[in-house]
Amino acid sequence: MVYPQGTPVTTVRAELVRLRRLLLAHGQGMVPESRPYRSPTELVVDAQQVLEYLNRGAHRLALRVYRGQVLPSSEAPAVVELRHRVSGLLREAVLSHAGVEVLLAYLQLPEAREDDDAWLTALRLLPARSPRRAGIVDQLERLQAASG
C-alpha cells in the first residue's frame, strides 16, 4: 500500500532491508522475516480497529483508538484511499449516530476543527442551557469569519 503499483521490487526490497536493520538495532521483536517478507506476529493496525468498531456501532471505542489520519504525508493511492475511508466513515458515524459527548471528543481532532457541519450538529445536540454552547458558537463564528 505504501508504494504505487509498478514500483520496482528492488526499491521495496531495499526499504525492507533498512527496516529490518533499524528494528534489529533497537531490539524490537517485530523484525520482518524474509523469503518471503512477512511479519513474525500479526500486526494490529489501528485503522483496521477503527473500521471494526464502527461496523459494530462502537463509536466511542472507534474514536478512542483513532490516532489521526492514516499516514498523512503519504501520497500512495492505496494509503490515500484508506485514509479517506477511515476518516470519512468515522466522521459519518459520529455525526449520524453518536451522542453529544462522542461528537465533542471528535471535534478535538485536527481534521474536525474546521468542520462546520460537525460544529452545527454539536450545537443542535446540546441542551439549550448547556454552558458548552458558548464555545461552540464562538468556534462557528470564527469559521464563518475565516471563510469570508
Protein backbone atom coordinates (compact mmCIF):
# COMPACT_ATOMS: atom_id res chain seq x y z
CA MET A 1 0.00 0.00 0.00
CA VAL A 2 2.90 2.36 0.64
CA TYR A 3 4.30 2.16 -2.88
CA PRO A 4 2.32 2.83 -6.05
CA GLN A 5 1.67 0.00 -8.47
CA GLY A 6 4.68 -0.62 -10.69
CA THR A 7 7.32 0.32 -8.11
CA PRO A 8 10.42 -1.78 -8.80
CA VAL A 9 10.83 -4.76 -6.48
CA THR A 10 14.38 -3.62 -5.73
CA THR A 11 13.03 -0.40 -4.19
CA VAL A 12 10.70 -2.30 -1.86
CA ARG A 13 13.43 -4.83 -1.02
CA ALA A 14 15.87 -2.04 -0.13
CA GLU A 15 13.30 -0.44 2.18
CA LEU A 16 12.64 -3.75 3.91
CA VAL A 17 16.36 -4.32 4.44
CA ARG A 18 16.61 -0.85 6.04
CA LEU A 19 13.55 -1.55 8.18
CA ARG A 20 14.97 -4.90 9.36
CA ARG A 21 18.30 -3.26 10.24
CA LEU A 22 16.58 -0.46 12.17
CA LEU A 23 14.34 -2.84 14.12
CA LEU A 24 17.24 -5.18 14.92
CA ALA A 25 19.36 -2.27 16.19
CA HIS A 26 16.56 -1.20 18.54
CA GLY A 27 15.83 -4.70 19.82
CA GLN A 28 12.28 -4.75 18.51
CA GLY A 29 10.54 -8.13 18.23
CA MET A 30 8.76 -7.13 15.05
CA VAL A 31 11.69 -7.74 12.65
CA PRO A 32 10.21 -8.83 9.33
CA GLU A 33 11.19 -12.29 8.19
CA SER A 34 12.39 -12.77 4.65
CA ARG A 35 11.82 -15.19 1.76
CA PRO A 36 9.00 -14.19 1.61
CA TYR A 37 8.90 -10.94 3.61
CA ARG A 38 6.35 -11.19 6.37
CA SER A 39 5.75 -10.08 9.93
CA PRO A 40 6.66 -12.63 12.65
CA THR A 41 3.46 -11.78 14.51
CA GLU A 42 0.08 -10.49 13.48
CA LEU A 43 0.03 -6.72 13.25
CA VAL A 44 -2.70 -4.77 14.96
CA VAL A 45 -3.41 -1.83 12.70
CA ASP A 46 -5.29 1.00 14.38
CA ALA A 47 -7.08 1.96 11.16
CA GLN A 48 -8.50 -1.57 10.89
CA GLN A 49 -9.55 -1.47 14.55
CA VAL A 50 -11.40 1.81 13.92
CA LEU A 51 -13.27 0.27 10.98
CA GLU A 52 -14.17 -2.83 13.02
CA TYR A 53 -15.50 -0.74 15.90
CA LEU A 54 -17.51 1.41 13.51
CA ASN A 55 -19.03 -1.70 11.91
CA ARG A 56 -20.17 -2.78 15.38
CA GLY A 57 -21.60 0.66 16.16
CA ALA A 58 -19.00 1.25 18.87
CA HIS A 59 -18.37 4.92 18.04
CA ARG A 60 -16.72 5.79 21.34
CA LEU A 61 -14.23 2.92 21.04
CA ALA A 62 -13.53 3.76 17.41
CA LEU A 63 -12.75 7.33 18.36
CA ARG A 64 -10.58 6.19 21.28
CA VAL A 65 -8.31 4.05 19.06
CA TYR A 66 -8.24 6.54 16.19
CA ARG A 67 -4.75 8.07 16.10
CA GLY A 68 -5.47 10.58 13.38
CA GLN A 69 -5.36 10.33 9.63
CA VAL A 70 -3.57 7.29 8.21
CA LEU A 71 -0.01 8.18 7.13
CA PRO A 72 -0.96 11.80 6.39
CA SER A 73 2.10 12.59 4.29
CA SER A 74 1.80 9.53 2.06
CA GLU A 75 0.55 10.00 -1.47
CA ALA A 76 0.45 6.31 -2.33
CA PRO A 77 -3.00 5.71 -3.86
CA ALA A 78 -3.90 2.78 -1.58
CA VAL A 79 -2.87 4.72 1.53
CA VAL A 80 -4.79 7.82 0.40
CA GLU A 81 -7.85 5.64 -0.20
CA LEU A 82 -7.57 4.03 3.26
CA ARG A 83 -7.00 7.44 4.89
CA HIS A 84 -10.16 8.89 3.29
CA ARG A 85 -12.18 5.76 4.03
CA VAL A 86 -11.31 5.61 7.74
CA SER A 87 -11.60 9.36 8.29
CA GLY A 88 -14.83 9.63 6.29
CA LEU A 89 -16.55 6.67 7.93
CA LEU A 90 -15.58 7.88 11.39
CA ARG A 91 -16.94 11.36 10.64
CA GLU A 92 -20.18 10.00 9.19
CA ALA A 93 -20.74 7.61 12.10
CA VAL A 94 -20.06 10.26 14.73
CA LEU A 95 -22.26 12.87 13.08
CA SER A 96 -25.11 10.46 12.32
CA HIS A 97 -25.24 8.08 15.25
CA ALA A 98 -23.04 9.10 18.18
CA GLY A 99 -24.07 11.02 21.26
CA VAL A 100 -23.03 14.56 22.02
CA GLU A 101 -20.06 13.55 24.22
CA VAL A 102 -18.52 11.46 21.44
CA LEU A 103 -19.18 14.25 18.95
CA LEU A 104 -17.48 16.79 21.22
CA ALA A 105 -14.47 14.46 21.53
CA TYR A 106 -14.39 14.10 17.73
CA LEU A 107 -14.34 17.89 17.37
CA GLN A 108 -11.00 17.95 19.19
CA LEU A 109 -9.33 16.16 16.27
CA PRO A 110 -7.26 18.40 13.97
CA GLU A 111 -9.26 17.24 10.95
CA ALA A 112 -12.56 18.23 12.60
CA ARG A 113 -11.67 21.68 13.90
CA GLU A 114 -12.93 23.41 10.76
CA ASP A 115 -15.88 21.12 10.06
CA ASP A 116 -18.87 23.47 10.10
CA ASP A 117 -21.40 20.64 9.85
CA ALA A 118 -19.92 18.84 12.85
CA TRP A 119 -19.93 22.01 14.98
CA LEU A 120 -23.52 22.75 13.95
CA THR A 121 -24.54 19.19 14.82
CA ALA A 122 -22.96 19.57 18.26
CA LEU A 123 -24.83 22.85 18.79
CA ARG A 124 -28.08 21.17 17.80
CA LEU A 125 -27.50 18.21 20.15
CA LEU A 126 -26.51 20.18 23.24
CA PRO A 127 -29.30 21.22 25.60
CA ALA A 128 -30.28 24.89 25.32
CA ARG A 129 -28.86 25.68 28.77
CA SER A 130 -25.54 23.89 28.32
CA PRO A 131 -22.55 26.09 29.16
CA ARG A 132 -20.62 24.40 26.34
CA ARG A 133 -22.81 26.05 23.71
CA ALA A 134 -20.90 29.34 24.03
CA GLY A 135 -17.63 27.73 22.95
CA ILE A 136 -19.31 26.07 20.00
CA VAL A 137 -20.97 29.31 18.90
CA ASP A 138 -17.60 31.05 19.20
CA GLN A 139 -15.95 28.39 17.00
CA LEU A 140 -18.71 28.66 14.41
CA GLU A 141 -18.34 32.45 14.32
CA ARG A 142 -14.58 32.09 13.80
CA LEU A 143 -15.13 29.64 10.98
CA GLN A 144 -17.64 31.99 9.32
CA ALA A 145 -15.24 34.94 9.65
CA ALA A 146 -12.39 32.92 8.15
CA SER A 147 -14.47 31.84 5.16
CA GLY A 148 -15.38 35.43 4.41
